[in-house]
Amino acid sequence: MGDTFPSERELCTHFGVSRTAVRSAIAQMEGRGLIEMGPNRRRKVRALPAEKRAS
């Protein structure tokens, strides 16, 4: 944890989606405490999501 999270531009290019889609996903991850804004306006990874296990 503490790694730098990719920029919006990098995510748009990598996944071939709109900036709106990327911003929505980022907002959800920030809301769940998985990423946060770090120094120099770069986001950092705070936590990894818990794995869902098959029953």
N, C-alpha and C. Protein backbone atom coordinates (compact mmCIF):
# COMPACT_ATOMS: atom_id res chain seq x y z
N MET A 1 0.82 -1.17 0.00
CA MET A 1 0.00 0.00 0.00
C MET A 1 0.87 1.24 0.00
N GLY A 2 0.28 2.34 -0.37
CA GLY A 2 1.04 3.56 -0.50
C GLY A 2 1.57 3.78 -1.91
N ASP A 3 1.35 2.79 -2.80
CA ASP A 3 1.78 2.95 -4.18
C ASP A 3 0.98 4.06 -4.86
N THR A 4 1.57 4.67 -5.86
CA THR A 4 0.89 5.71 -6.62
C THR A 4 -0.17 5.07 -7.51
N PHE A 5 -1.36 5.64 -7.50
CA PHE A 5 -2.47 5.16 -8.32
C PHE A 5 -2.36 5.82 -9.69
N PRO A 6 -2.67 5.10 -10.77
CA PRO A 6 -2.55 5.70 -12.11
C PRO A 6 -3.41 6.95 -12.26
N SER A 7 -2.99 7.83 -13.15
CA SER A 7 -3.74 9.06 -13.41
C SER A 7 -5.02 8.74 -14.20
N GLU A 8 -5.93 9.70 -14.22
CA GLU A 8 -7.16 9.54 -14.99
C GLU A 8 -6.82 9.28 -16.46
N ARG A 9 -5.89 10.01 -16.99
CA ARG A 9 -5.50 9.84 -18.39
C ARG A 9 -4.97 8.44 -18.66
N GLU A 10 -4.10 7.95 -17.76
CA GLU A 10 -3.55 6.60 -17.93
C GLU A 10 -4.66 5.55 -17.90
N LEU A 11 -5.62 5.72 -16.99
CA LEU A 11 -6.71 4.76 -16.88
C LEU A 11 -7.62 4.80 -18.12
N CYS A 12 -7.91 5.99 -18.62
CA CYS A 12 -8.72 6.13 -19.84
C CYS A 12 -8.06 5.41 -21.01
N THR A 13 -6.77 5.63 -21.17
CA THR A 13 -6.04 5.01 -22.28
C THR A 13 -5.97 3.50 -22.12
N HIS A 14 -5.64 3.04 -20.93
CA HIS A 14 -5.48 1.60 -20.68
C HIS A 14 -6.78 0.83 -20.89
N PHE A 15 -7.89 1.38 -20.38
CA PHE A 15 -9.16 0.66 -20.43
C PHE A 15 -10.06 1.10 -21.59
N GLY A 16 -9.67 2.14 -22.31
CA GLY A 16 -10.46 2.60 -23.45
C GLY A 16 -11.84 3.11 -23.05
N VAL A 17 -11.90 3.82 -21.93
CA VAL A 17 -13.17 4.36 -21.44
C VAL A 17 -13.07 5.87 -21.30
N SER A 18 -14.22 6.50 -21.10
CA SER A 18 -14.27 7.96 -20.97
C SER A 18 -13.74 8.42 -19.62
N ARG A 19 -13.38 9.68 -19.58
CA ARG A 19 -12.93 10.28 -18.32
C ARG A 19 -14.06 10.26 -17.29
N THR A 20 -15.29 10.42 -17.75
CA THR A 20 -16.45 10.36 -16.84
C THR A 20 -16.53 9.01 -16.16
N ALA A 21 -16.33 7.94 -16.91
CA ALA A 21 -16.36 6.58 -16.33
C ALA A 21 -15.24 6.39 -15.32
N VAL A 22 -14.06 6.89 -15.66
CA VAL A 22 -12.91 6.77 -14.76
C VAL A 22 -13.17 7.56 -13.48
N ARG A 23 -13.68 8.76 -13.61
CA ARG A 23 -13.94 9.59 -12.42
C ARG A 23 -14.99 8.94 -11.53
N SER A 24 -15.98 8.31 -12.11
CA SER A 24 -17.01 7.62 -11.33
C SER A 24 -16.39 6.46 -10.54
N ALA A 25 -15.55 5.68 -11.20
CA ALA A 25 -14.90 4.55 -10.52
C ALA A 25 -13.97 5.05 -9.41
N ILE A 26 -13.23 6.10 -9.68
CA ILE A 26 -12.33 6.67 -8.67
C ILE A 26 -13.13 7.15 -7.47
N ALA A 27 -14.24 7.83 -7.71
CA ALA A 27 -15.08 8.32 -6.61
C ALA A 27 -15.56 7.17 -5.74
N GLN A 28 -15.93 6.06 -6.37
CA GLN A 28 -16.37 4.89 -5.59
C GLN A 28 -15.22 4.32 -4.76
N MET A 29 -14.03 4.24 -5.34
CA MET A 29 -12.88 3.71 -4.61
C MET A 29 -12.49 4.64 -3.46
N GLU A 30 -12.56 5.96 -3.69
CA GLU A 30 -12.27 6.90 -2.61
C GLU A 30 -13.31 6.77 -1.50
N GLY A 31 -14.56 6.61 -1.88
CA GLY A 31 -15.63 6.46 -0.90
C GLY A 31 -15.48 5.22 -0.03
N ARG A 32 -14.87 4.19 -0.58
CA ARG A 32 -14.65 2.94 0.16
C ARG A 32 -13.31 2.95 0.90
N GLY A 33 -12.57 4.05 0.77
CA GLY A 33 -11.30 4.16 1.48
C GLY A 33 -10.17 3.37 0.85
N LEU A 34 -10.30 3.02 -0.43
CA LEU A 34 -9.26 2.24 -1.09
C LEU A 34 -8.13 3.09 -1.64
N ILE A 35 -8.46 4.33 -2.02
CA ILE A 35 -7.45 5.26 -2.50
C ILE A 35 -7.69 6.62 -1.89
N GLU A 36 -6.64 7.46 -1.87
CA GLU A 36 -6.76 8.81 -1.34
C GLU A 36 -5.85 9.74 -2.10
N MET A 37 -6.14 11.03 -2.03
CA MET A 37 -5.29 12.01 -2.69
C MET A 37 -4.02 12.17 -1.87
N GLY A 38 -2.91 12.02 -2.53
CA GLY A 38 -1.62 12.14 -1.86
C GLY A 38 -0.95 13.46 -2.20
N PRO A 39 0.34 13.57 -1.91
CA PRO A 39 1.07 14.79 -2.22
C PRO A 39 1.11 15.03 -3.73
N ASN A 40 1.23 16.28 -4.10
CA ASN A 40 1.32 16.66 -5.51
C ASN A 40 0.11 16.24 -6.32
N ARG A 41 -1.05 16.12 -5.67
CA ARG A 41 -2.31 15.79 -6.33
C ARG A 41 -2.28 14.44 -7.03
N ARG A 42 -1.46 13.53 -6.55
CA ARG A 42 -1.44 12.15 -7.05
C ARG A 42 -2.14 11.27 -6.04
N ARG A 43 -2.98 10.39 -6.51
CA ARG A 43 -3.69 9.48 -5.61
C ARG A 43 -2.77 8.34 -5.19
N LYS A 44 -3.01 7.85 -3.98
CA LYS A 44 -2.24 6.72 -3.44
C LYS A 44 -3.20 5.61 -3.05
N VAL A 45 -2.71 4.38 -3.13
CA VAL A 45 -3.48 3.22 -2.71
C VAL A 45 -3.43 3.16 -1.19
N ARG A 46 -4.60 3.09 -0.53
CA ARG A 46 -4.68 2.99 0.93
C ARG A 46 -4.90 1.56 1.37
N ALA A 47 -5.71 0.83 0.61
CA ALA A 47 -6.07 -0.53 1.01
C ALA A 47 -6.45 -1.31 -0.24
N LEU A 48 -6.40 -2.60 -0.13
CA LEU A 48 -6.84 -3.47 -1.20
C LEU A 48 -8.21 -4.01 -0.84
N PRO A 49 -9.08 -4.20 -1.84
CA PRO A 49 -10.43 -4.71 -1.52
C PRO A 49 -10.33 -6.15 -1.00
N ALA A 50 -11.23 -6.48 -0.10
CA ALA A 50 -11.29 -7.85 0.41
C ALA A 50 -11.78 -8.76 -0.70
N GLU A 51 -11.20 -9.95 -0.77
CA GLU A 51 -11.62 -10.92 -1.79
C GLU A 51 -12.96 -11.51 -1.41
N LYS A 52 -13.78 -11.70 -2.44
CA LYS A 52 -15.05 -12.38 -2.21
C LYS A 52 -14.78 -13.87 -2.44
N ARG A 53 -15.22 -14.67 -1.52
CA ARG A 53 -14.98 -16.10 -1.61
C ARG A 53 -16.23 -16.82 -2.09
N ALA A 54 -16.01 -17.80 -2.96
CA ALA A 54 -17.14 -18.60 -3.44
C ALA A 54 -17.65 -19.51 -2.33
N SER A 55 -18.96 -19.62 -2.23
CA SER A 55 -19.54 -20.47 -1.18
C SER A 55 -19.71 -21.87 -1.65
